[in-house]
């Protein structure tokens, strides 16, 4: 067992151990508890539900790696979705064409990026705590969205948008394809670019990074800008999936994105973590939710179990950090 764990950590990294064991446990438990769990219907449902939460988790991931947080992810996504909706309505609503949708998506990404830039600028130049800065942005975006929509939904979109949220390509859900592409982009960003390297440096020790010649302010602004842009992508997918936009859509995802990051081995203080383990953690959370639904439990119980899972992960991390696997010695 010790040799297996050492070989696993050497090949996949120590942070993959937790999500992989959780995945195995969920598959075995619900596979035995519910005959319908190991079915195409279950995995198809997970494939459609995963991208919304996954994209928002990617948006949360970068700020956490710098030792920060972005509490405004869901409302940034909704404001971006509203931007697309308003552009479509201004160009005929349900009769709007693809060019209007493309323009709306570009403006949505610009809005999301601008939200991130503002937060990053304040965090970087005033050294205000990221929680307070992003909380302020969250309150602002929520209030702005409710004022502009009067607290209601915006709907009535062209039919060609629906496949983006509910369609398939070669049997794979289109939202899942978008999410996987974003996972690959985030992975390459963090492992193959100077920005990714500097992001880890800042999360490990921002003062040391500054003395090493890293423009820490620029990196922090870029990180939050990219976070806002990813929120916009999530907002566009949510618009296409629900065929409507509301300020409160996906509000419950906020804390779950933090849970997914921690379950995926991201250090809550920044400086350590990878994208792929977070992806596996997201799959585990969705499978856990689907398994509980098949057993007749409601979403509130699933949320409670997610909370217990986070506590369990923290305990296991403490145990792993204080326990050394014995090595085989030849006497």
Protein backbone atom coordinates (compact mmCIF):
# COMPACT_ATOMS: atom_id res chain seq x y z
CA UNK A 1 0.00 0.00 0.00
CA UNK A 2 2.83 2.35 0.88
CA UNK A 3 4.62 1.59 -2.39
CA UNK A 4 1.39 2.19 -4.32
CA UNK A 5 0.80 5.56 -2.65
CA UNK A 6 4.38 6.65 -3.29
CA UNK A 7 4.16 5.56 -6.93
CA UNK A 8 0.80 7.34 -7.34
CA UNK A 9 2.10 10.59 -5.85
CA UNK A 10 5.22 10.45 -8.02
CA UNK A 11 3.23 9.99 -11.22
CA UNK A 12 0.15 12.17 -10.63
CA UNK A 13 1.18 14.49 -7.81
CA UNK A 14 0.23 14.47 -4.14
CA UNK A 15 -2.80 16.71 -4.73
CA UNK A 16 -4.45 14.06 -6.94
CA UNK A 17 -4.67 11.55 -4.11
CA UNK A 18 -7.64 13.17 -2.33
CA UNK A 19 -9.89 13.70 -5.39
CA UNK A 20 -9.04 10.26 -6.78
CA UNK A 21 -9.88 8.47 -3.53
CA UNK A 22 -13.08 10.52 -3.21
CA UNK A 23 -14.04 9.60 -6.79
CA UNK A 24 -13.45 5.91 -6.09
CA UNK A 25 -15.43 6.05 -2.84
CA UNK A 26 -18.40 7.80 -4.48
CA UNK A 27 -18.48 5.36 -7.40
CA UNK A 28 -18.34 2.30 -5.16
CA UNK A 29 -20.83 3.54 -2.55
CA UNK A 30 -23.54 4.79 -4.90
CA UNK A 31 -22.92 1.97 -7.37
CA UNK A 32 -23.90 -0.44 -4.60
CA UNK A 33 -26.62 1.74 -3.03
CA UNK A 34 -28.46 2.58 -6.26
CA UNK A 35 -28.64 0.30 -9.33
CA UNK A 36 -29.42 3.30 -11.55
CA UNK A 37 -26.25 5.19 -10.57
CA UNK A 38 -23.86 3.47 -12.98
CA UNK A 39 -25.92 4.35 -16.03
CA UNK A 40 -25.66 6.56 -19.10
CA UNK A 41 -28.49 8.74 -17.77
CA UNK A 42 -26.54 9.59 -14.61
CA UNK A 43 -23.34 10.48 -16.40
CA UNK A 44 -25.27 12.40 -19.06
CA UNK A 45 -26.91 14.48 -16.34
CA UNK A 46 -23.54 15.13 -14.71
CA UNK A 47 -22.07 16.14 -18.08
CA UNK A 48 -24.73 18.84 -18.53
CA UNK A 49 -24.67 20.10 -14.94
CA UNK A 50 -20.89 20.17 -14.51
CA UNK A 51 -19.90 23.06 -16.87
CA UNK A 52 -21.73 25.88 -15.07
CA UNK A 53 -20.15 25.08 -11.71
CA UNK A 54 -16.88 24.17 -13.38
CA UNK A 55 -16.44 27.47 -15.23
CA UNK A 56 -17.19 29.45 -12.07
CA UNK A 57 -14.69 27.28 -10.17
CA UNK A 58 -12.01 28.12 -12.74
CA UNK A 59 -12.87 31.79 -12.18
CA UNK A 60 -12.37 31.29 -8.43
CA UNK A 61 -9.18 29.26 -8.86
CA UNK A 62 -6.78 31.96 -10.04
CA UNK A 63 -7.48 34.48 -7.23
CA UNK A 64 -7.14 31.72 -4.62
CA UNK A 65 -3.73 30.77 -6.03
CA UNK A 66 -2.55 34.33 -5.34
CA UNK A 67 -3.84 34.11 -1.77
CA UNK A 68 -6.99 36.06 -2.62
CA UNK A 69 -10.66 35.35 -3.33
CA UNK A 70 -13.35 36.49 -5.75
CA UNK A 71 -16.74 36.49 -4.06
CA UNK A 72 -18.33 38.27 -7.03
CA UNK A 73 -18.09 35.39 -9.51
CA UNK A 74 -21.79 34.52 -9.74
CA UNK A 75 -22.98 38.10 -10.04
CA UNK A 76 -20.26 38.90 -12.57
CA UNK A 77 -21.50 35.94 -14.60
CA UNK A 78 -25.10 37.15 -14.37
CA UNK A 79 -24.24 40.73 -15.36
CA UNK A 80 -22.33 39.33 -18.34
CA UNK A 81 -25.37 37.22 -19.24
CA UNK A 82 -27.59 40.26 -18.93
CA UNK A 83 -25.27 42.13 -21.28
CA UNK A 84 -25.82 39.47 -23.94
CA UNK A 85 -29.57 39.54 -23.28
CA UNK A 86 -29.80 43.33 -23.68
CA UNK A 87 -27.84 43.27 -26.92
CA UNK A 88 -30.16 40.58 -28.30
CA UNK A 89 -33.26 42.49 -27.21
CA UNK A 90 -31.94 45.66 -28.82
CA UNK A 91 -31.54 43.76 -32.10
CA UNK A 92 -34.90 42.04 -32.33
CA UNK A 93 -35.07 39.73 -29.33
CA UNK A 94 -36.04 36.25 -30.54
CA UNK A 95 -35.42 37.39 -34.12
CA UNK A 96 -31.86 38.63 -33.46
CA UNK A 97 -29.13 37.17 -35.66
CA UNK A 98 -25.80 35.48 -34.96
CA UNK A 99 -23.89 38.76 -35.36
CA UNK A 100 -25.91 40.33 -32.54
CA UNK A 101 -25.17 37.30 -30.35
CA UNK A 102 -21.46 37.49 -31.19
CA UNK A 103 -21.43 41.19 -30.33
CA UNK A 104 -23.24 40.48 -27.08
CA UNK A 105 -20.70 37.80 -26.15
CA UNK A 106 -17.78 40.15 -26.84
CA UNK A 107 -19.36 42.87 -24.71
CA UNK A 108 -20.13 40.32 -21.99
CA UNK A 109 -16.48 39.25 -21.82
CA UNK A 110 -15.49 42.93 -21.75
CA UNK A 111 -17.88 43.58 -18.86
CA UNK A 112 -16.61 40.56 -16.92
CA UNK A 113 -13.00 41.53 -17.54
CA UNK A 114 -13.67 45.12 -16.48
CA UNK A 115 -15.19 43.89 -13.22
CA UNK A 116 -12.08 41.83 -12.56
CA UNK A 117 -9.75 44.69 -13.46
CA UNK A 118 -11.45 46.98 -10.94
CA UNK A 119 -11.12 44.40 -8.18
CA UNK A 120 -7.53 43.57 -9.10
CA UNK A 121 -6.58 47.24 -9.24
CA UNK A 122 -8.02 47.93 -5.78
CA UNK A 123 -6.43 44.79 -4.28
CA UNK A 124 -3.04 45.45 -5.89
CA UNK A 125 -2.70 49.19 -5.31
CA UNK A 126 -4.52 49.75 -2.01
CA UNK A 127 -3.64 46.35 -0.47
CA UNK A 128 -7.22 46.05 0.73
CA UNK A 129 -8.19 42.49 1.62
CA UNK A 130 -9.55 40.58 -1.41
CA UNK A 131 -12.55 39.37 0.59
CA UNK A 132 -13.67 42.95 1.30
CA UNK A 133 -12.97 44.12 -2.24
CA UNK A 134 -14.78 41.25 -3.95
CA UNK A 135 -17.64 41.43 -1.43
CA UNK A 136 -18.07 45.11 -2.30
CA UNK A 137 -18.10 44.26 -6.01
CA UNK A 138 -20.61 41.48 -5.39
CA UNK A 139 -22.98 43.86 -3.59
CA UNK A 140 -22.56 46.47 -6.32
CA UNK A 141 -23.24 44.04 -9.18
CA UNK A 142 -26.20 42.49 -7.40
CA UNK A 143 -27.76 45.87 -6.69
CA UNK A 144 -27.07 47.11 -10.22
CA UNK A 145 -28.56 44.00 -11.78
CA UNK A 146 -31.70 44.09 -9.64
CA UNK A 147 -32.15 47.79 -10.38
CA UNK A 148 -31.85 47.30 -14.14
CA UNK A 149 -34.08 44.20 -14.27
CA UNK A 150 -36.47 45.18 -11.45
CA UNK A 151 -35.63 41.81 -9.90
CA UNK A 152 -37.15 39.84 -12.77
CA UNK A 153 -35.96 37.53 -15.54
CA UNK A 154 -34.91 38.50 -19.03
CA UNK A 155 -35.87 35.95 -21.67
CA UNK A 156 -36.94 35.61 -25.28
CA UNK A 157 -33.76 34.65 -27.12
CA UNK A 158 -33.16 33.25 -30.64
CA UNK A 159 -33.50 29.49 -31.05
CA UNK A 160 -29.97 29.09 -32.42
CA UNK A 161 -28.54 29.86 -28.95
CA UNK A 162 -30.16 26.83 -27.32
CA UNK A 163 -27.67 24.21 -28.62
CA UNK A 164 -24.85 26.09 -26.86
CA UNK A 165 -26.45 25.25 -23.52
CA UNK A 166 -28.36 22.05 -24.27
CA UNK A 167 -26.98 20.60 -27.50
CA UNK A 168 -24.47 17.84 -28.17
CA UNK A 169 -21.58 17.39 -30.59
CA UNK A 170 -20.65 13.79 -31.42
CA UNK A 171 -22.65 12.77 -28.37
CA UNK A 172 -20.78 15.12 -26.03
CA UNK A 173 -22.69 18.04 -24.45
CA UNK A 174 -21.57 21.33 -25.99
CA UNK A 175 -21.25 23.06 -22.55
CA UNK A 176 -18.94 20.24 -21.45
CA UNK A 177 -16.76 20.78 -24.53
CA UNK A 178 -16.52 24.49 -23.70
CA UNK A 179 -15.60 23.66 -20.10
CA UNK A 180 -12.91 21.14 -21.09
CA UNK A 181 -11.38 23.68 -23.49
CA UNK A 182 -11.27 26.22 -20.65
CA UNK A 183 -9.68 23.63 -18.33
CA UNK A 184 -6.94 23.03 -20.90
CA UNK A 185 -6.39 26.78 -21.34
CA UNK A 186 -6.14 27.30 -17.57
CA UNK A 187 -3.79 24.33 -17.25
CA UNK A 188 -1.47 25.67 -19.96
CA UNK A 189 -1.67 29.16 -18.48
CA UNK A 190 -0.51 27.97 -15.07
CA UNK A 191 2.11 25.47 -16.23
CA UNK A 192 3.53 26.98 -19.42
CA UNK A 193 3.44 30.76 -19.06
CA UNK A 194 5.30 33.39 -17.09
CA UNK A 195 2.00 34.67 -15.70
CA UNK A 196 1.27 31.24 -14.23
CA UNK A 197 4.71 31.02 -12.63
CA UNK A 198 4.35 34.50 -11.17
CA UNK A 199 0.88 33.65 -9.87
CA UNK A 200 2.32 30.79 -7.82
CA UNK A 201 5.18 33.01 -6.63
CA UNK A 202 2.79 35.69 -5.39
CA UNK A 203 0.65 33.11 -3.61
CA UNK A 204 3.71 31.62 -1.91
CA UNK A 205 5.25 34.92 -0.81
CA UNK A 206 4.26 38.21 -2.41
CA UNK A 207 7.11 40.14 -0.82
CA UNK A 208 9.69 37.65 -2.06
CA UNK A 209 8.13 37.81 -5.52
CA UNK A 210 8.35 41.60 -5.47
CA UNK A 211 12.03 41.52 -4.46
CA UNK A 212 12.64 38.99 -7.24
CA UNK A 213 11.59 41.56 -9.81
CA UNK A 214 8.02 40.40 -10.38
CA UNK A 215 5.56 43.19 -11.11
CA UNK A 216 3.15 41.91 -8.49
CA UNK A 217 0.56 44.62 -9.07
CA UNK A 218 0.34 43.85 -12.76
CA UNK A 219 0.05 40.11 -12.11
CA UNK A 220 -2.73 40.56 -9.54
CA UNK A 221 -4.71 42.80 -11.91
CA UNK A 222 -4.30 40.27 -14.74
CA UNK A 223 -5.38 37.40 -12.48
CA UNK A 224 -8.61 39.12 -11.47
CA UNK A 225 -9.21 40.25 -15.06
CA UNK A 226 -8.95 36.64 -16.27
CA UNK A 227 -11.22 35.57 -13.42
CA UNK A 228 -13.83 38.09 -14.59
CA UNK A 229 -13.49 36.94 -18.20
CA UNK A 230 -14.10 33.32 -17.16
CA UNK A 231 -17.17 34.46 -15.23
CA UNK A 232 -18.46 35.96 -18.47
CA UNK A 233 -18.04 32.63 -20.27
CA UNK A 234 -20.00 30.97 -17.46
CA UNK A 235 -22.72 33.63 -17.78
CA UNK A 236 -23.08 32.99 -21.52
CA UNK A 237 -23.40 29.23 -20.97
CA UNK A 238 -25.97 29.77 -18.20
CA UNK A 239 -28.01 32.04 -20.48
CA UNK A 240 -28.05 29.38 -23.18
CA UNK A 241 -28.86 26.57 -20.75
CA UNK A 242 -31.72 28.27 -18.89
CA UNK A 243 -32.91 30.35 -21.88
CA UNK A 244 -33.22 33.24 -19.46
CA UNK A 245 -31.08 35.48 -17.26
CA UNK A 246 -31.68 36.58 -13.70
CA UNK A 247 -29.41 38.30 -11.21
CA UNK A 248 -29.66 35.42 -8.74
CA UNK A 249 -28.91 32.56 -11.13
CA UNK A 250 -26.24 30.24 -9.73
CA UNK A 251 -25.98 32.13 -6.45
CA UNK A 252 -25.65 28.84 -4.56
CA UNK A 253 -22.55 27.96 -6.58
CA UNK A 254 -20.33 30.48 -4.81
CA UNK A 255 -19.32 28.45 -1.77
CA UNK A 256 -19.29 25.22 -3.77
CA UNK A 257 -16.57 26.63 -6.03
CA UNK A 258 -14.42 27.21 -2.95
CA UNK A 259 -15.14 23.65 -1.78
CA UNK A 260 -14.17 22.27 -5.20
CA UNK A 261 -10.88 24.18 -5.13
CA UNK A 262 -9.96 22.90 -1.65
CA UNK A 263 -11.05 19.34 -2.46
CA UNK A 264 -8.84 19.59 -5.56
CA UNK A 265 -5.78 20.29 -3.44
CA UNK A 266 -5.60 24.07 -3.80
CA UNK A 267 -3.86 25.69 -0.85
CA UNK A 268 -6.38 28.17 0.69
CA UNK A 269 -3.49 30.54 1.39
CA UNK A 270 -2.29 30.44 -2.21
CA UNK A 271 0.85 29.32 -3.99
CA UNK A 272 0.03 25.65 -4.50
CA UNK A 273 -2.42 23.63 -6.60
CA UNK A 274 -3.21 22.42 -10.09
CA UNK A 275 -6.18 22.55 -12.44
CA UNK A 276 -6.60 18.83 -13.20
CA UNK A 277 -7.22 17.75 -9.55
CA UNK A 278 -9.83 20.50 -9.31
CA UNK A 279 -11.51 19.09 -12.42
CA UNK A 280 -11.66 15.65 -10.78
CA UNK A 281 -13.02 17.22 -7.57
CA UNK A 282 -15.82 18.86 -9.56
CA UNK A 283 -16.76 15.51 -11.08
CA UNK A 284 -16.85 14.00 -7.58
CA UNK A 285 -19.17 16.72 -6.29
CA UNK A 286 -21.58 16.33 -9.20
CA UNK A 287 -21.59 12.54 -8.88
CA UNK A 288 -22.23 12.88 -5.16
CA UNK A 289 -25.19 15.17 -5.83
CA UNK A 290 -26.62 12.84 -8.50
CA UNK A 291 -26.19 9.81 -6.25
CA UNK A 292 -28.05 11.47 -3.39
CA UNK A 293 -30.85 12.50 -5.76
CA UNK A 294 -31.23 8.91 -6.95
CA UNK A 295 -31.55 7.82 -3.32
CA UNK A 296 -34.39 10.29 -2.78
CA UNK A 297 -32.44 12.98 -0.93
CA UNK A 298 -33.09 16.62 -1.78
CA UNK A 299 -30.51 19.22 -2.74
CA UNK A 300 -30.36 20.60 0.80
CA UNK A 301 -28.98 17.28 2.06
CA UNK A 302 -26.45 17.29 -0.78
CA UNK A 303 -25.29 20.73 0.32
CA UNK A 304 -24.92 19.48 3.90
CA UNK A 305 -22.90 16.49 2.72
CA UNK A 306 -20.66 18.81 0.68
CA UNK A 307 -19.98 20.78 3.86
CA UNK A 308 -19.09 17.61 5.76
CA UNK A 309 -16.86 16.60 2.87
CA UNK A 310 -14.93 19.85 3.17
CA UNK A 311 -14.43 19.27 6.91
CA UNK A 312 -13.29 15.72 6.19
CA UNK A 313 -10.81 16.92 3.56
CA UNK A 314 -9.28 19.39 6.02
CA UNK A 315 -8.91 16.66 8.64
CA UNK A 316 -7.34 14.26 6.14
CA UNK A 317 -4.91 16.96 5.01
CA UNK A 318 -3.86 17.53 8.61
CA UNK A 319 -3.36 13.79 9.12
CA UNK A 320 -1.36 13.50 5.88
CA UNK A 321 0.87 16.42 6.86
CA UNK A 322 1.65 14.88 10.25
CA UNK A 323 1.96 11.24 9.23
CA UNK A 324 4.94 9.84 7.37
CA UNK A 325 4.59 6.61 5.45
CA UNK A 326 7.21 4.16 6.75
CA UNK A 327 9.90 3.26 4.25
CA UNK A 328 11.07 -0.28 3.72
CA UNK A 329 14.56 -0.80 5.07
CA UNK A 330 16.80 -3.73 4.40
CA UNK A 331 18.68 -4.73 7.50
